[in-house]
Amino acid sequence: MKQVVVHPERCVGCMQCQVACAVAHSEAKQLVPAQFESPRPRPRIHVGAGPYNEGFPNRCRHCDPAPCLLACLPGAITRVAETATVMINVDTCINCASCAMACPFGVIRYHEDRSAQAGKTVAVKCDNCLARQREDGIPACVEACLSAALTFETLDAAYKRQTDAVARSVSAVAAAEALAPGWALLNAHKKARLELLTSPAPSDEKRAAGNAREDTHVRHD
């Protein structure tokens, strides 16, 4: 069973996944006309900023067991067995926000959605693009991600790739291999820039002490 796997070290914060997700859940399924729909389609994946302003695509993990499912009082949240996808029934949802309080990842939003009754605010989250999968497609966010920060694969394949990467990192030839130098350089640049912007400015006392030392050197000369 394939799932969406997140590789945060590759995310460049372009937010194309958000755009693709919103369009995929629109009626028109096209960017321009989707903007004029009511209610306007919204993304179900949310790109946040990490400690060094690096992007992080945050989406529903479809946990098992799922805290949101266990917390849902009216039973609006269920799991689709064939894909292990946690789904919300908008007709049963009463907008009580119990699921949002239980979700450890903060990925459940509340707003109007075209799948719900007009004017009704409901809980909305990632549905793994089940409609696309049933037509032999892949989730829209994965299809739109050009940096491969989102992949659609089995967990066994993801685990094996990570195991191989760790093995390469500790091998004798690890130094000769350039493992994603572009991402490493980008993240190093972001880290250095943030540290420069957030480093405290020298205090008046330190500046005065520095000026005093300079005056002393000048007098000695």
N, C-alpha and C. Protein backbone atom coordinates (compact mmCIF):
# COMPACT_ATOMS: atom_id res chain seq x y z
N MET A 1 0.84 -1.19 0.00
CA MET A 1 0.00 0.00 0.00
C MET A 1 0.88 1.26 0.00
N LYS A 2 0.67 2.11 -0.98
CA LYS A 2 1.49 3.32 -1.10
C LYS A 2 0.93 4.44 -0.23
N GLN A 3 1.84 5.27 0.26
CA GLN A 3 1.47 6.42 1.07
C GLN A 3 2.33 7.61 0.67
N VAL A 4 1.88 8.80 1.04
CA VAL A 4 2.68 10.00 0.80
C VAL A 4 3.74 10.09 1.88
N VAL A 5 5.01 10.16 1.46
CA VAL A 5 6.14 10.25 2.38
C VAL A 5 6.74 11.65 2.25
N VAL A 6 6.98 12.29 3.39
CA VAL A 6 7.51 13.65 3.41
C VAL A 6 9.02 13.62 3.65
N HIS A 7 9.76 14.37 2.82
CA HIS A 7 11.21 14.52 2.96
C HIS A 7 11.49 16.00 3.21
N PRO A 8 11.40 16.45 4.46
CA PRO A 8 11.49 17.90 4.74
C PRO A 8 12.81 18.52 4.33
N GLU A 9 13.89 17.74 4.30
CA GLU A 9 15.19 18.31 3.93
C GLU A 9 15.24 18.74 2.47
N ARG A 10 14.28 18.29 1.67
CA ARG A 10 14.25 18.66 0.25
C ARG A 10 13.29 19.80 -0.04
N CYS A 11 12.46 20.17 0.92
CA CYS A 11 11.44 21.19 0.68
C CYS A 11 12.08 22.57 0.52
N VAL A 12 11.68 23.27 -0.53
CA VAL A 12 12.20 24.62 -0.79
C VAL A 12 11.15 25.70 -0.50
N GLY A 13 10.01 25.29 0.04
CA GLY A 13 8.99 26.26 0.42
C GLY A 13 8.28 26.93 -0.73
N CYS A 14 8.20 26.28 -1.88
CA CYS A 14 7.57 26.91 -3.05
C CYS A 14 6.04 26.92 -2.97
N MET A 15 5.48 26.04 -2.13
CA MET A 15 4.04 25.95 -1.88
C MET A 15 3.23 25.49 -3.10
N GLN A 16 3.90 24.89 -4.08
CA GLN A 16 3.17 24.36 -5.22
C GLN A 16 2.25 23.22 -4.80
N CYS A 17 2.63 22.51 -3.74
CA CYS A 17 1.78 21.42 -3.26
C CYS A 17 0.44 21.96 -2.75
N GLN A 18 0.48 23.13 -2.10
CA GLN A 18 -0.75 23.73 -1.60
C GLN A 18 -1.67 24.12 -2.75
N VAL A 19 -1.08 24.73 -3.78
CA VAL A 19 -1.88 25.15 -4.94
C VAL A 19 -2.50 23.93 -5.62
N ALA A 20 -1.68 22.90 -5.82
CA ALA A 20 -2.16 21.69 -6.50
C ALA A 20 -3.26 21.01 -5.70
N CYS A 21 -3.12 21.02 -4.38
CA CYS A 21 -4.13 20.39 -3.52
C CYS A 21 -5.45 21.13 -3.61
N ALA A 22 -5.40 22.45 -3.54
CA ALA A 22 -6.64 23.24 -3.63
C ALA A 22 -7.34 23.03 -4.96
N VAL A 23 -6.56 23.03 -6.05
CA VAL A 23 -7.14 22.84 -7.38
C VAL A 23 -7.74 21.44 -7.51
N ALA A 24 -7.05 20.44 -6.97
CA ALA A 24 -7.54 19.06 -7.06
C ALA A 24 -8.87 18.88 -6.33
N HIS A 25 -9.13 19.71 -5.33
CA HIS A 25 -10.38 19.61 -4.58
C HIS A 25 -11.39 20.66 -5.01
N SER A 26 -11.13 21.30 -6.15
CA SER A 26 -12.10 22.25 -6.69
C SER A 26 -13.06 21.52 -7.63
N GLU A 27 -14.08 22.21 -8.04
CA GLU A 27 -15.02 21.62 -8.98
C GLU A 27 -14.47 21.64 -10.40
N ALA A 28 -13.78 22.74 -10.75
CA ALA A 28 -13.28 22.89 -12.11
C ALA A 28 -12.02 22.06 -12.38
N LYS A 29 -11.25 21.80 -11.32
CA LYS A 29 -9.98 21.06 -11.45
C LYS A 29 -8.97 21.82 -12.31
N GLN A 30 -9.15 23.13 -12.42
CA GLN A 30 -8.21 24.00 -13.14
C GLN A 30 -7.98 25.25 -12.31
N LEU A 31 -6.74 25.77 -12.36
CA LEU A 31 -6.34 26.84 -11.46
C LEU A 31 -7.18 28.11 -11.60
N VAL A 32 -7.30 28.63 -12.82
CA VAL A 32 -7.97 29.92 -13.01
C VAL A 32 -9.45 29.86 -12.64
N PRO A 33 -10.23 28.96 -13.20
CA PRO A 33 -11.65 28.96 -12.81
C PRO A 33 -11.88 28.59 -11.35
N ALA A 34 -10.95 27.83 -10.75
CA ALA A 34 -11.12 27.44 -9.34
C ALA A 34 -11.12 28.65 -8.42
N GLN A 35 -10.41 29.71 -8.83
CA GLN A 35 -10.33 30.91 -7.99
C GLN A 35 -11.65 31.66 -7.89
N PHE A 36 -12.56 31.37 -8.80
CA PHE A 36 -13.84 32.09 -8.80
C PHE A 36 -14.98 31.23 -8.25
N GLU A 37 -14.63 30.06 -7.73
CA GLU A 37 -15.66 29.20 -7.15
C GLU A 37 -16.05 29.69 -5.75
N SER A 38 -17.24 29.32 -5.34
CA SER A 38 -17.70 29.67 -3.99
C SER A 38 -18.34 28.43 -3.37
N PRO A 39 -17.81 27.98 -2.25
CA PRO A 39 -16.64 28.51 -1.53
C PRO A 39 -15.34 28.23 -2.28
N ARG A 40 -14.37 29.12 -2.10
CA ARG A 40 -13.10 28.95 -2.78
C ARG A 40 -12.37 27.73 -2.21
N PRO A 41 -11.87 26.86 -3.08
CA PRO A 41 -11.16 25.67 -2.59
C PRO A 41 -9.89 26.05 -1.83
N ARG A 42 -9.60 25.30 -0.77
CA ARG A 42 -8.44 25.57 0.05
C ARG A 42 -7.55 24.33 0.14
N PRO A 43 -6.26 24.54 0.37
CA PRO A 43 -5.36 23.39 0.43
C PRO A 43 -5.55 22.57 1.70
N ARG A 44 -5.23 21.30 1.60
CA ARG A 44 -5.30 20.41 2.76
C ARG A 44 -3.91 19.98 3.20
N ILE A 45 -2.91 20.55 2.58
CA ILE A 45 -1.53 20.41 3.01
C ILE A 45 -1.03 21.82 3.30
N HIS A 46 -0.22 21.97 4.34
CA HIS A 46 0.15 23.30 4.81
C HIS A 46 1.66 23.38 4.99
N VAL A 47 2.30 24.29 4.26
CA VAL A 47 3.75 24.44 4.33
C VAL A 47 4.10 25.45 5.40
N GLY A 48 4.85 25.01 6.40
CA GLY A 48 5.29 25.89 7.47
C GLY A 48 6.78 26.14 7.37
N ALA A 49 7.28 27.01 8.25
CA ALA A 49 8.70 27.36 8.25
C ALA A 49 9.38 26.76 9.47
N GLY A 50 10.54 26.14 9.25
CA GLY A 50 11.31 25.54 10.32
C GLY A 50 12.18 26.57 11.02
N PRO A 51 13.06 26.11 11.91
CA PRO A 51 13.92 27.03 12.68
C PRO A 51 14.78 27.95 11.82
N TYR A 52 15.15 27.50 10.63
CA TYR A 52 16.01 28.30 9.76
C TYR A 52 15.27 28.74 8.49
N ASN A 53 13.93 28.89 8.64
CA ASN A 53 13.08 29.31 7.53
C ASN A 53 13.03 28.30 6.39
N GLU A 54 13.44 27.05 6.66
CA GLU A 54 13.29 26.02 5.65
C GLU A 54 11.84 25.54 5.64
N GLY A 55 11.37 25.12 4.48
CA GLY A 55 9.99 24.70 4.35
C GLY A 55 9.73 23.35 4.99
N PHE A 56 8.50 23.16 5.46
CA PHE A 56 8.08 21.85 5.97
C PHE A 56 6.64 21.61 5.55
N PRO A 57 6.42 20.65 4.64
CA PRO A 57 5.05 20.34 4.20
C PRO A 57 4.34 19.48 5.24
N ASN A 58 3.35 20.07 5.91
CA ASN A 58 2.63 19.39 6.99
C ASN A 58 1.28 18.90 6.47
N ARG A 59 1.03 17.63 6.64
CA ARG A 59 -0.20 17.04 6.16
C ARG A 59 -0.66 15.95 7.12
N CYS A 60 -1.89 15.48 6.94
CA CYS A 60 -2.43 14.41 7.77
C CYS A 60 -1.60 13.14 7.61
N ARG A 61 -1.25 12.52 8.73
CA ARG A 61 -0.48 11.27 8.71
C ARG A 61 -1.37 10.04 8.62
N HIS A 62 -2.68 10.22 8.74
CA HIS A 62 -3.61 9.09 8.72
C HIS A 62 -3.18 8.06 9.76
N CYS A 63 -3.00 8.56 10.98
CA CYS A 63 -2.47 7.76 12.09
C CYS A 63 -3.30 6.49 12.33
N ASP A 64 -2.64 5.50 12.89
CA ASP A 64 -3.31 4.27 13.27
C ASP A 64 -2.74 3.79 14.62
N PRO A 65 -3.46 3.99 15.69
CA PRO A 65 -4.82 4.55 15.78
C PRO A 65 -4.80 6.07 15.60
N ALA A 66 -5.91 6.59 15.13
CA ALA A 66 -6.00 8.02 14.84
C ALA A 66 -6.67 8.75 15.99
N PRO A 67 -5.97 9.69 16.64
CA PRO A 67 -6.57 10.44 17.75
C PRO A 67 -7.85 11.19 17.35
N CYS A 68 -7.86 11.73 16.12
CA CYS A 68 -9.04 12.47 15.67
C CYS A 68 -10.26 11.56 15.56
N LEU A 69 -10.03 10.35 15.07
CA LEU A 69 -11.12 9.38 14.92
C LEU A 69 -11.68 9.00 16.28
N LEU A 70 -10.78 8.79 17.24
CA LEU A 70 -11.22 8.39 18.58
C LEU A 70 -11.94 9.52 19.30
N ALA A 71 -11.58 10.78 18.94
CA ALA A 71 -12.17 11.93 19.64
C ALA A 71 -13.46 12.41 19.02
N CYS A 72 -13.78 11.95 17.82
CA CYS A 72 -14.97 12.45 17.11
C CYS A 72 -16.25 11.96 17.78
N LEU A 73 -16.99 12.87 18.38
CA LEU A 73 -18.19 12.51 19.14
C LEU A 73 -19.33 11.98 18.27
N PRO A 74 -19.61 12.62 17.10
CA PRO A 74 -20.73 12.12 16.29
C PRO A 74 -20.35 10.96 15.36
N GLY A 75 -19.09 10.54 15.38
CA GLY A 75 -18.68 9.43 14.51
C GLY A 75 -18.53 9.83 13.06
N ALA A 76 -18.14 11.09 12.82
CA ALA A 76 -17.99 11.58 11.44
C ALA A 76 -16.67 11.15 10.81
N ILE A 77 -15.74 10.67 11.61
CA ILE A 77 -14.42 10.29 11.09
C ILE A 77 -14.28 8.78 11.09
N THR A 78 -13.94 8.25 9.94
CA THR A 78 -13.78 6.80 9.78
C THR A 78 -12.52 6.52 8.97
N ARG A 79 -12.20 5.24 8.84
CA ARG A 79 -11.02 4.85 8.07
C ARG A 79 -11.44 3.97 6.89
N VAL A 80 -10.90 4.28 5.71
CA VAL A 80 -11.13 3.46 4.52
C VAL A 80 -10.11 2.33 4.55
N ALA A 81 -10.59 1.12 4.70
CA ALA A 81 -9.70 -0.02 4.93
C ALA A 81 -8.73 -0.26 3.78
N GLU A 82 -9.18 -0.10 2.55
CA GLU A 82 -8.35 -0.45 1.40
C GLU A 82 -7.12 0.44 1.26
N THR A 83 -7.20 1.68 1.74
CA THR A 83 -6.06 2.59 1.62
C THR A 83 -5.58 3.12 2.98
N ALA A 84 -6.22 2.68 4.07
CA ALA A 84 -5.89 3.14 5.43
C ALA A 84 -6.03 4.65 5.57
N THR A 85 -6.89 5.24 4.75
CA THR A 85 -7.10 6.69 4.76
C THR A 85 -8.17 7.08 5.77
N VAL A 86 -7.84 8.06 6.62
CA VAL A 86 -8.80 8.57 7.59
C VAL A 86 -9.63 9.65 6.89
N MET A 87 -10.94 9.47 6.88
CA MET A 87 -11.83 10.36 6.14
C MET A 87 -12.83 11.04 7.08
N ILE A 88 -13.31 12.22 6.66
CA ILE A 88 -14.33 12.96 7.41
C ILE A 88 -15.62 12.99 6.60
N ASN A 89 -16.72 12.59 7.21
CA ASN A 89 -18.04 12.67 6.59
C ASN A 89 -18.61 14.04 6.91
N VAL A 90 -18.65 14.92 5.91
CA VAL A 90 -19.07 16.31 6.16
C VAL A 90 -20.55 16.40 6.52
N ASP A 91 -21.33 15.40 6.15
CA ASP A 91 -22.76 15.43 6.49
C ASP A 91 -22.98 15.14 7.97
N THR A 92 -22.07 14.38 8.57
CA THR A 92 -22.20 14.02 9.98
C THR A 92 -21.46 14.98 10.90
N CYS A 93 -20.44 15.67 10.35
CA CYS A 93 -19.61 16.60 11.14
C CYS A 93 -20.48 17.70 11.74
N ILE A 94 -20.27 17.98 13.04
CA ILE A 94 -21.04 19.03 13.72
C ILE A 94 -20.15 20.22 14.10
N ASN A 95 -18.91 20.25 13.58
CA ASN A 95 -18.01 21.39 13.80
C ASN A 95 -17.73 21.62 15.29
N CYS A 96 -17.53 20.53 16.04
CA CYS A 96 -17.29 20.65 17.47
C CYS A 96 -15.82 20.88 17.80
N ALA A 97 -14.93 20.62 16.83
CA ALA A 97 -13.48 20.84 16.96
C ALA A 97 -12.79 19.84 17.88
N SER A 98 -13.47 18.78 18.26
CA SER A 98 -12.82 17.75 19.09
C SER A 98 -11.66 17.10 18.35
N CYS A 99 -11.82 16.89 17.05
CA CYS A 99 -10.77 16.24 16.27
C CYS A 99 -9.53 17.13 16.18
N ALA A 100 -9.74 18.43 16.04
CA ALA A 100 -8.61 19.37 15.94
C ALA A 100 -7.83 19.42 17.24
N MET A 101 -8.54 19.36 18.36
CA MET A 101 -7.86 19.37 19.65
C MET A 101 -7.08 18.09 19.87
N ALA A 102 -7.55 16.99 19.30
CA ALA A 102 -6.87 15.70 19.48
C ALA A 102 -5.71 15.51 18.51
N CYS A 103 -5.74 16.19 17.36
CA CYS A 103 -4.71 16.00 16.33
C CYS A 103 -3.37 16.55 16.81
N PRO A 104 -2.32 15.72 16.88
CA PRO A 104 -1.02 16.20 17.36
C PRO A 104 -0.24 17.00 16.32
N PHE A 105 -0.72 17.03 15.08
CA PHE A 105 0.01 17.69 14.02
C PHE A 105 -0.64 18.98 13.53
N GLY A 106 -1.81 19.30 14.04
CA GLY A 106 -2.47 20.56 13.69
C GLY A 106 -2.83 20.69 12.23
N VAL A 107 -3.34 19.62 11.61
CA VAL A 107 -3.61 19.65 10.18
C VAL A 107 -5.10 19.72 9.84
N ILE A 108 -5.95 19.79 10.84
CA ILE A 108 -7.39 19.85 10.58
C ILE A 108 -7.84 21.31 10.60
N ARG A 109 -8.52 21.72 9.55
CA ARG A 109 -9.01 23.09 9.43
C ARG A 109 -10.54 23.09 9.41
N TYR A 110 -11.12 24.26 9.65
CA TYR A 110 -12.58 24.40 9.67
C TYR A 110 -13.00 25.52 8.73
N HIS A 111 -13.74 25.17 7.71
CA HIS A 111 -14.24 26.16 6.77
C HIS A 111 -15.31 25.51 5.89
N GLU A 112 -15.92 26.30 5.06
CA GLU A 112 -16.90 25.75 4.10
C GLU A 112 -16.15 24.95 3.04
N ASP A 113 -16.82 23.93 2.53
CA ASP A 113 -16.23 23.09 1.50
C ASP A 113 -17.32 22.70 0.51
N ARG A 114 -16.94 22.56 -0.74
CA ARG A 114 -17.95 22.28 -1.77
C ARG A 114 -18.63 20.93 -1.57
N SER A 115 -17.98 20.03 -0.81
CA SER A 115 -18.57 18.72 -0.57
C SER A 115 -19.64 18.76 0.51
N ALA A 116 -19.71 19.88 1.24
CA ALA A 116 -20.68 20.01 2.34
C ALA A 116 -21.86 20.86 1.92
N GLN A 117 -22.87 20.87 2.77
CA GLN A 117 -24.04 21.70 2.53
C GLN A 117 -23.63 23.17 2.48
N ALA A 118 -24.23 23.94 1.59
CA ALA A 118 -23.88 25.35 1.43
C ALA A 118 -24.02 26.10 2.74
N GLY A 119 -22.98 26.87 3.07
CA GLY A 119 -22.99 27.66 4.28
C GLY A 119 -22.57 26.92 5.54
N LYS A 120 -22.32 25.63 5.44
CA LYS A 120 -21.96 24.84 6.62
C LYS A 120 -20.45 24.78 6.78
N THR A 121 -19.96 25.10 7.97
CA THR A 121 -18.54 24.98 8.27
C THR A 121 -18.26 23.58 8.80
N VAL A 122 -17.27 22.93 8.21
CA VAL A 122 -16.96 21.54 8.58
C VAL A 122 -15.46 21.35 8.76
N ALA A 123 -15.10 20.25 9.37
CA ALA A 123 -13.70 19.89 9.51
C ALA A 123 -13.19 19.38 8.16
N VAL A 124 -12.01 19.86 7.76
CA VAL A 124 -11.45 19.49 6.46
C VAL A 124 -9.99 19.12 6.65
N LYS A 125 -9.56 18.05 6.00
CA LYS A 125 -8.16 17.63 6.05
C LYS A 125 -7.84 16.79 4.82
N CYS A 126 -6.59 16.37 4.72
CA CYS A 126 -6.13 15.56 3.59
C CYS A 126 -6.93 14.26 3.48
N ASP A 127 -7.34 13.94 2.26
CA ASP A 127 -8.06 12.69 2.01
C ASP A 127 -7.25 11.75 1.13
N ASN A 128 -5.94 12.02 1.04
CA ASN A 128 -5.04 11.18 0.22
C ASN A 128 -5.42 11.17 -1.25
N CYS A 129 -6.21 12.15 -1.67
CA CYS A 129 -6.66 12.22 -3.06
C CYS A 129 -7.23 10.87 -3.53
N LEU A 130 -8.15 10.33 -2.74
CA LEU A 130 -8.71 9.02 -3.07
C LEU A 130 -9.37 9.01 -4.44
N ALA A 131 -10.02 10.12 -4.81
CA ALA A 131 -10.67 10.17 -6.12
C ALA A 131 -9.64 10.03 -7.23
N ARG A 132 -8.49 10.67 -7.09
CA ARG A 132 -7.42 10.55 -8.08
C ARG A 132 -6.84 9.13 -8.08
N GLN A 133 -6.66 8.55 -6.91
CA GLN A 133 -6.09 7.21 -6.84
C GLN A 133 -7.01 6.18 -7.51
N ARG A 134 -8.30 6.37 -7.36
CA ARG A 134 -9.25 5.42 -7.96
C ARG A 134 -9.25 5.53 -9.48
N GLU A 135 -8.68 6.61 -10.00
CA GLU A 135 -8.52 6.76 -11.46
C GLU A 135 -7.07 6.51 -11.86
N ASP A 136 -6.34 5.76 -11.02
CA ASP A 136 -4.94 5.40 -11.26
C ASP A 136 -4.02 6.62 -11.25
N GLY A 137 -4.41 7.67 -10.55
CA GLY A 137 -3.55 8.84 -10.40
C GLY A 137 -2.81 8.80 -9.08
N ILE A 138 -2.03 9.82 -8.82
CA ILE A 138 -1.32 9.95 -7.56
C ILE A 138 -1.77 11.23 -6.88
N PRO A 139 -1.56 11.38 -5.58
CA PRO A 139 -1.97 12.61 -4.90
C PRO A 139 -1.42 13.86 -5.58
N ALA A 140 -2.24 14.90 -5.64
CA ALA A 140 -1.87 16.11 -6.38
C ALA A 140 -0.62 16.77 -5.83
N CYS A 141 -0.44 16.73 -4.52
CA CYS A 141 0.73 17.38 -3.93
C CYS A 141 2.02 16.70 -4.39
N VAL A 142 1.99 15.39 -4.49
CA VAL A 142 3.18 14.64 -4.95
C VAL A 142 3.48 14.96 -6.41
N GLU A 143 2.44 14.99 -7.22
CA GLU A 143 2.61 15.27 -8.65
C GLU A 143 3.20 16.66 -8.88
N ALA A 144 2.85 17.62 -8.01
CA ALA A 144 3.30 19.00 -8.21
C ALA A 144 4.68 19.27 -7.63
N CYS A 145 5.16 18.41 -6.74
CA CYS A 145 6.42 18.69 -6.04
C CYS A 145 7.62 18.37 -6.92
N LEU A 146 8.31 19.41 -7.39
CA LEU A 146 9.44 19.23 -8.30
C LEU A 146 10.75 18.91 -7.56
N SER A 147 10.79 19.17 -6.26
CA SER A 147 12.01 18.91 -5.50
C SER A 147 12.00 17.52 -4.84
N ALA A 148 10.94 16.76 -5.08
CA ALA A 148 10.81 15.40 -4.52
C ALA A 148 10.77 15.41 -3.00
N ALA A 149 10.25 16.50 -2.42
CA ALA A 149 10.05 16.54 -0.97
C ALA A 149 8.85 15.70 -0.57
N LEU A 150 8.00 15.38 -1.54
CA LEU A 150 6.85 14.51 -1.33
C LEU A 150 6.93 13.37 -2.33
N THR A 151 6.89 12.15 -1.84
CA THR A 151 6.90 10.99 -2.73
C THR A 151 5.73 10.08 -2.38
N PHE A 152 5.33 9.28 -3.34
CA PHE A 152 4.21 8.35 -3.15
C PHE A 152 4.75 6.95 -3.33
N GLU A 153 4.92 6.24 -2.23
CA GLU A 153 5.57 4.94 -2.27
C GLU A 153 5.16 4.11 -1.05
N THR A 154 5.54 2.85 -1.07
CA THR A 154 5.26 2.00 0.08
C THR A 154 6.23 2.36 1.20
N LEU A 155 5.82 2.13 2.42
CA LEU A 155 6.70 2.43 3.55
C LEU A 155 7.93 1.54 3.54
N ASP A 156 7.78 0.32 3.04
CA ASP A 156 8.94 -0.58 2.96
C ASP A 156 10.01 0.03 2.06
N ALA A 157 9.59 0.59 0.92
CA ALA A 157 10.55 1.21 0.00
C ALA A 157 11.20 2.43 0.64
N ALA A 158 10.39 3.22 1.37
CA ALA A 158 10.93 4.42 2.03
C ALA A 158 11.93 4.03 3.12
N TYR A 159 11.59 2.99 3.90
CA TYR A 159 12.50 2.54 4.95
C TYR A 159 13.81 2.02 4.38
N LYS A 160 13.72 1.27 3.27
CA LYS A 160 14.93 0.72 2.66
C LYS A 160 15.84 1.82 2.14
N ARG A 161 15.24 2.85 1.52
CA ARG A 161 16.05 3.95 1.01
C ARG A 161 16.75 4.67 2.15
N GLN A 162 16.03 4.87 3.26
CA GLN A 162 16.64 5.55 4.39
C GLN A 162 17.75 4.70 5.01
N THR A 163 17.52 3.40 5.08
CA THR A 163 18.56 2.49 5.61
C THR A 163 19.80 2.54 4.73
N ASP A 164 19.60 2.53 3.41
CA ASP A 164 20.74 2.61 2.49
C ASP A 164 21.48 3.93 2.65
N ALA A 165 20.74 5.02 2.87
CA ALA A 165 21.37 6.33 3.03
C ALA A 165 22.23 6.37 4.30
N VAL A 166 21.72 5.78 5.38
CA VAL A 166 22.49 5.74 6.62
C VAL A 166 23.73 4.89 6.44
N ALA A 167 23.58 3.76 5.75
CA ALA A 167 24.72 2.88 5.52
C ALA A 167 25.81 3.59 4.71
N ARG A 168 25.38 4.37 3.70
CA ARG A 168 26.36 5.09 2.90
C ARG A 168 27.06 6.17 3.73
N SER A 169 26.32 6.79 4.66
CA SER A 169 26.89 7.88 5.44
C SER A 169 27.99 7.43 6.39
N VAL A 170 27.99 6.16 6.77
CA VAL A 170 29.00 5.66 7.70
C VAL A 170 30.04 4.78 7.01
N SER A 171 29.94 4.66 5.70
CA SER A 171 30.88 3.81 4.99
C SER A 171 32.19 4.55 4.75
N ALA A 172 33.20 3.80 4.33
CA ALA A 172 34.54 4.37 4.14
C ALA A 172 34.57 5.37 3.00
N VAL A 173 33.67 5.25 2.05
CA VAL A 173 33.68 6.14 0.89
C VAL A 173 32.64 7.25 1.03
N ALA A 174 32.09 7.40 2.23
CA ALA A 174 31.03 8.41 2.41
C ALA A 174 31.52 9.80 2.08
N ALA A 175 32.77 10.09 2.41
CA ALA A 175 33.31 11.43 2.17
C ALA A 175 33.40 11.75 0.69
N ALA A 176 33.53 10.72 -0.12
CA ALA A 176 33.67 10.94 -1.56
C ALA A 176 32.33 11.14 -2.24
N GLU A 177 31.23 10.81 -1.54
CA GLU A 177 29.91 10.92 -2.13
C GLU A 177 29.27 12.24 -1.73
N ALA A 178 28.71 12.92 -2.70
CA ALA A 178 28.01 14.18 -2.43
C ALA A 178 26.53 13.87 -2.28
N LEU A 179 26.05 13.80 -1.05
CA LEU A 179 24.66 13.48 -0.79
C LEU A 179 23.83 14.77 -0.75
N ALA A 180 23.07 14.96 -1.81
CA ALA A 180 22.19 16.13 -1.92
C ALA A 180 22.91 17.43 -1.57
N PRO A 181 23.99 17.76 -2.29
CA PRO A 181 24.74 18.98 -1.95
C PRO A 181 23.91 20.24 -2.12
N GLY A 182 22.99 20.24 -3.07
CA GLY A 182 22.17 21.43 -3.29
C GLY A 182 21.31 21.76 -2.09
N TRP A 183 20.64 20.73 -1.52
CA TRP A 183 19.79 20.95 -0.35
C TRP A 183 20.64 21.35 0.86
N ALA A 184 21.80 20.71 1.02
CA ALA A 184 22.65 21.04 2.15
C ALA A 184 23.12 22.49 2.07
N LEU A 185 23.48 22.94 0.86
CA LEU A 185 23.93 24.32 0.68
C LEU A 185 22.80 25.30 0.95
N LEU A 186 21.62 24.97 0.45
CA LEU A 186 20.47 25.85 0.64
C LEU A 186 20.14 25.99 2.13
N ASN A 187 20.10 24.88 2.85
CA ASN A 187 19.77 24.93 4.27
C ASN A 187 20.87 25.64 5.07
N ALA A 188 22.15 25.43 4.66
CA ALA A 188 23.25 26.12 5.34
C ALA A 188 23.15 27.63 5.15
N HIS A 189 22.76 28.05 3.94
CA HIS A 189 22.60 29.47 3.65
C HIS A 189 21.48 30.07 4.50
N LYS A 190 20.35 29.35 4.59
CA LYS A 190 19.22 29.84 5.38
C LYS A 190 19.61 29.95 6.86
N LYS A 191 20.34 28.94 7.34
CA LYS A 191 20.75 28.94 8.74
C LYS A 191 21.68 30.12 9.04
N ALA A 192 22.67 30.34 8.16
CA ALA A 192 23.61 31.44 8.37
C ALA A 192 22.91 32.79 8.30
N ARG A 193 21.97 32.93 7.37
CA ARG A 193 21.24 34.19 7.22
C ARG A 193 20.39 34.47 8.46
N LEU A 194 19.71 33.42 8.96
CA LEU A 194 18.86 33.62 10.13
C LEU A 194 19.70 33.95 11.35
N GLU A 195 20.85 33.30 11.51
CA GLU A 195 21.71 33.58 12.65
C GLU A 195 22.24 35.01 12.59
N LEU A 196 22.51 35.49 11.38
CA LEU A 196 22.98 36.86 11.22
C LEU A 196 21.89 37.85 11.58
N LEU A 197 20.66 37.54 11.17
CA LEU A 197 19.55 38.47 11.43
C LEU A 197 19.12 38.47 12.88
N THR A 198 19.29 37.33 13.55
CA THR A 198 18.80 37.21 14.93
C THR A 198 19.89 37.37 15.97
N SER A 199 21.15 37.49 15.55
CA SER A 199 22.22 37.64 16.53
C SER A 199 22.08 39.00 17.21
N PRO A 200 22.25 39.04 18.54
CA PRO A 200 22.04 40.30 19.27
C PRO A 200 23.08 41.34 18.90
N ALA A 201 22.64 42.58 18.81
CA ALA A 201 23.56 43.68 18.51
C ALA A 201 24.41 43.96 19.74
N PRO A 202 25.63 44.41 19.56
CA PRO A 202 26.48 44.71 20.71
C PRO A 202 25.86 45.80 21.58
N SER A 203 25.92 45.59 22.89
CA SER A 203 25.33 46.55 23.82
C SER A 203 26.15 47.83 23.86
N ASP A 204 25.55 48.87 24.44
CA ASP A 204 26.26 50.15 24.56
C ASP A 204 27.52 49.99 25.40
N GLU A 205 27.46 49.14 26.45
CA GLU A 205 28.64 48.94 27.29
C GLU A 205 29.78 48.29 26.51
N LYS A 206 29.44 47.29 25.68
CA LYS A 206 30.47 46.62 24.89
C LYS A 206 31.06 47.58 23.86
N ARG A 207 30.20 48.40 23.25
CA ARG A 207 30.72 49.36 22.28
C ARG A 207 31.64 50.38 22.96
N ALA A 208 31.22 50.81 24.16
CA ALA A 208 32.05 51.77 24.89
C ALA A 208 33.39 51.16 25.27
N ALA A 209 33.36 49.89 25.70
CA ALA A 209 34.61 49.22 26.06
C ALA A 209 35.51 49.07 24.85
N GLY A 210 34.90 48.75 23.68
CA GLY A 210 35.69 48.63 22.46
C GLY A 210 36.31 49.95 22.07
N ASN A 211 35.55 51.04 22.18
CA ASN A 211 36.09 52.36 21.85
C ASN A 211 37.22 52.75 22.80
N ALA A 212 37.07 52.37 24.09
CA ALA A 212 38.11 52.69 25.07
C ALA A 212 39.41 51.98 24.73
N ARG A 213 39.29 50.70 24.30
CA ARG A 213 40.49 49.95 23.92
C ARG A 213 41.16 50.58 22.72
N GLU A 214 40.36 51.02 21.75
CA GLU A 214 40.94 51.67 20.57
C GLU A 214 41.64 52.97 20.96
N ASP A 215 41.05 53.75 21.87
CA ASP A 215 41.68 55.00 22.31
C ASP A 215 43.00 54.72 23.02
N THR A 216 43.03 53.63 23.78
CA THR A 216 44.27 53.27 24.50
C THR A 216 45.38 52.93 23.53
N HIS A 217 45.03 52.16 22.48
CA HIS A 217 46.02 51.79 21.48
C HIS A 217 46.54 53.04 20.77
N VAL A 218 45.66 53.97 20.49
CA VAL A 218 46.07 55.18 19.78
C VAL A 218 47.05 56.00 20.62
N ARG A 219 46.76 56.14 21.95
CA ARG A 219 47.65 56.91 22.84
C ARG A 219 49.02 56.26 22.96
N HIS A 220 49.01 54.91 23.01
CA HIS A 220 50.30 54.22 23.12
C HIS A 220 51.13 54.42 21.86
N ASP A 221 50.44 54.46 20.71
CA ASP A 221 51.18 54.66 19.46
C ASP A 221 51.76 56.06 19.41
